[in-house]
Amino acid sequence: MRLTSILNGAHFGNLAKVHGIVTYKLSPFEQRAFAGAISKGLPNMVRRIRSNIFRVTPPFIVGYLIYDLTERKHTALLRKNPADYANDE
């Protein structure tokens, strides 16, 4: 059985007929994608950053300090101790 015989030439969007339901669509060319992006979006972004900054930044600061301390300790452990080679000739 071929797929075209099942579909009877119908396209994917027209496979079923639904009665009694009204749908409205707005064309993508008529929508305003960035409506209110500057007048409402920027103040909202600033408000959200101000409300979450004290919750987000401390873990990042602690994480950076741990990372920095670990890297410094690792670099120090890789160095040779000059006192071990003081009497070599």
C-alpha atoms as a PDB file:
ATOM      1  CA  MET A   1       0.000   0.000   0.000  1.00  0.00           C
ATOM      2  CA  ARG A   2       1.372   3.334  -0.991  1.00  0.00           C
ATOM      3  CA  LEU A   3       1.190   6.411   1.196  1.00  0.00           C
ATOM      4  CA  THR A   4      -0.480   8.473  -1.539  1.00  0.00           C
ATOM      5  CA  SER A   5      -3.416   6.088  -1.685  1.00  0.00           C
ATOM      6  CA  ILE A   6      -4.000   6.595   2.044  1.00  0.00           C
ATOM      7  CA  LEU A   7      -3.803  10.373   1.861  1.00  0.00           C
ATOM      8  CA  ASN A   8      -5.827  10.635  -1.369  1.00  0.00           C
ATOM      9  CA  GLY A   9      -3.730  13.557  -2.505  1.00  0.00           C
ATOM     10  CA  ALA A  10      -4.269  15.615   0.667  1.00  0.00           C
ATOM     11  CA  HIS A  11      -1.400  17.706   1.948  1.00  0.00           C
ATOM     12  CA  PHE A  12      -0.152  17.416   5.516  1.00  0.00           C
ATOM     13  CA  GLY A  13      -2.029  20.464   6.805  1.00  0.00           C
ATOM     14  CA  ASN A  14      -5.327  19.276   5.314  1.00  0.00           C
ATOM     15  CA  LEU A  15      -5.477  15.680   6.535  1.00  0.00           C
ATOM     16  CA  ALA A  16      -8.570  16.063   8.722  1.00  0.00           C
ATOM     17  CA  LYS A  17     -11.677  18.205   8.483  1.00  0.00           C
ATOM     18  CA  VAL A  18     -12.633  19.744  11.800  1.00  0.00           C
ATOM     19  CA  HIS A  19     -16.122  21.220  12.109  1.00  0.00           C
ATOM     20  CA  GLY A  20     -17.345  23.601  14.784  1.00  0.00           C
ATOM     21  CA  ILE A  21     -13.930  25.010  15.771  1.00  0.00           C
ATOM     22  CA  VAL A  22     -12.987  28.487  14.622  1.00  0.00           C
ATOM     23  CA  THR A  23      -9.293  29.315  14.439  1.00  0.00           C
ATOM     24  CA  TYR A  24      -7.722  32.658  13.740  1.00  0.00           C
ATOM     25  CA  LYS A  25      -4.220  33.138  12.463  1.00  0.00           C
ATOM     26  CA  LEU A  26      -2.126  36.239  12.096  1.00  0.00           C
ATOM     27  CA  SER A  27       0.296  36.280   9.236  1.00  0.00           C
ATOM     28  CA  PRO A  28       3.970  36.386  10.280  1.00  0.00           C
ATOM     29  CA  PHE A  29       4.356  39.348   7.968  1.00  0.00           C
ATOM     30  CA  GLU A  30       1.761  41.310   9.959  1.00  0.00           C
ATOM     31  CA  GLN A  31       3.231  40.605  13.390  1.00  0.00           C
ATOM     32  CA  ARG A  32       5.504  43.089  15.087  1.00  0.00           C
ATOM     33  CA  ALA A  33       8.284  40.920  16.459  1.00  0.00           C
ATOM     34  CA  PHE A  34      10.044  43.668  18.439  1.00  0.00           C
ATOM     35  CA  ALA A  35       7.004  45.632  19.593  1.00  0.00           C
ATOM     36  CA  GLY A  36       7.825  47.154  22.987  1.00  0.00           C
ATOM     37  CA  ALA A  37      11.336  45.674  23.088  1.00  0.00           C
ATOM     38  CA  ILE A  38      12.944  48.949  24.148  1.00  0.00           C
ATOM     39  CA  SER A  39      10.125  50.602  26.108  1.00  0.00           C
ATOM     40  CA  LYS A  40       9.151  47.495  28.098  1.00  0.00           C
ATOM     41  CA  GLY A  41      11.961  45.017  27.531  1.00  0.00           C
ATOM     42  CA  LEU A  42      14.945  47.025  28.754  1.00  0.00           C
ATOM     43  CA  PRO A  43      13.359  48.185  32.041  1.00  0.00           C
ATOM     44  CA  ASN A  44      12.169  44.634  32.694  1.00  0.00           C
ATOM     45  CA  MET A  45      15.664  43.285  32.013  1.00  0.00           C
ATOM     46  CA  VAL A  46      17.214  45.808  34.428  1.00  0.00           C
ATOM     47  CA  ARG A  47      14.630  44.950  37.101  1.00  0.00           C
ATOM     48  CA  ARG A  48      15.271  41.208  36.743  1.00  0.00           C
ATOM     49  CA  ILE A  49      19.050  41.655  36.918  1.00  0.00           C
ATOM     50  CA  ARG A  50      18.754  43.834  40.030  1.00  0.00           C
ATOM     51  CA  SER A  51      16.483  41.324  41.739  1.00  0.00           C
ATOM     52  CA  ASN A  52      18.764  38.330  41.076  1.00  0.00           C
ATOM     53  CA  ILE A  53      22.269  39.790  41.245  1.00  0.00           C
ATOM     54  CA  PHE A  54      22.826  38.992  44.929  1.00  0.00           C
ATOM     55  CA  ARG A  55      21.607  35.452  44.409  1.00  0.00           C
ATOM     56  CA  VAL A  56      23.765  34.717  41.361  1.00  0.00           C
ATOM     57  CA  THR A  57      27.081  36.504  41.840  1.00  0.00           C
ATOM     58  CA  PRO A  58      28.278  35.081  45.210  1.00  0.00           C
ATOM     59  CA  PRO A  59      28.513  31.486  43.919  1.00  0.00           C
ATOM     60  CA  PHE A  60      30.425  32.706  40.872  1.00  0.00           C
ATOM     61  CA  ILE A  61      32.841  34.695  43.038  1.00  0.00           C
ATOM     62  CA  VAL A  62      33.395  31.753  45.404  1.00  0.00           C
ATOM     63  CA  GLY A  63      33.879  29.431  42.429  1.00  0.00           C
ATOM     64  CA  TYR A  64      36.440  31.759  40.863  1.00  0.00           C
ATOM     65  CA  LEU A  65      38.363  32.100  44.139  1.00  0.00           C
ATOM     66  CA  ILE A  66      38.491  28.304  44.564  1.00  0.00           C
ATOM     67  CA  TYR A  67      39.614  27.886  40.959  1.00  0.00           C
ATOM     68  CA  ASP A  68      42.310  30.558  41.303  1.00  0.00           C
ATOM     69  CA  LEU A  69      43.614  29.102  44.575  1.00  0.00           C
ATOM     70  CA  THR A  70      43.730  25.608  43.064  1.00  0.00           C
ATOM     71  CA  GLU A  71      45.614  26.805  39.973  1.00  0.00           C
ATOM     72  CA  ARG A  72      48.173  28.668  42.096  1.00  0.00           C
ATOM     73  CA  LYS A  73      48.717  25.640  44.340  1.00  0.00           C
ATOM     74  CA  HIS A  74      49.095  23.361  41.303  1.00  0.00           C
ATOM     75  CA  THR A  75      51.654  25.705  39.735  1.00  0.00           C
ATOM     76  CA  ALA A  76      53.595  25.877  43.014  1.00  0.00           C
ATOM     77  CA  LEU A  77      53.630  22.076  43.339  1.00  0.00           C
ATOM     78  CA  LEU A  78      55.047  21.696  39.829  1.00  0.00           C
ATOM     79  CA  ARG A  79      58.147  23.761  40.690  1.00  0.00           C
ATOM     80  CA  LYS A  80      61.272  22.114  41.938  1.00  0.00           C
ATOM     81  CA  ASN A  81      62.582  23.049  45.374  1.00  0.00           C
ATOM     82  CA  PRO A  82      65.952  24.827  44.896  1.00  0.00           C
ATOM     83  CA  ALA A  83      67.077  23.741  48.376  1.00  0.00           C
ATOM     84  CA  ASP A  84      67.084  20.091  47.216  1.00  0.00           C
ATOM     85  CA  TYR A  85      69.791  20.898  44.639  1.00  0.00           C
ATOM     86  CA  ALA A  86      71.948  23.296  46.667  1.00  0.00           C
ATOM     87  CA  ASN A  87      74.850  20.855  47.155  1.00  0.00           C
ATOM     88  CA  ASP A  88      74.887  19.331  43.668  1.00  0.00           C
ATOM     89  CA  GLU A  89      78.048  19.724  41.658  1.00  0.00           C
END
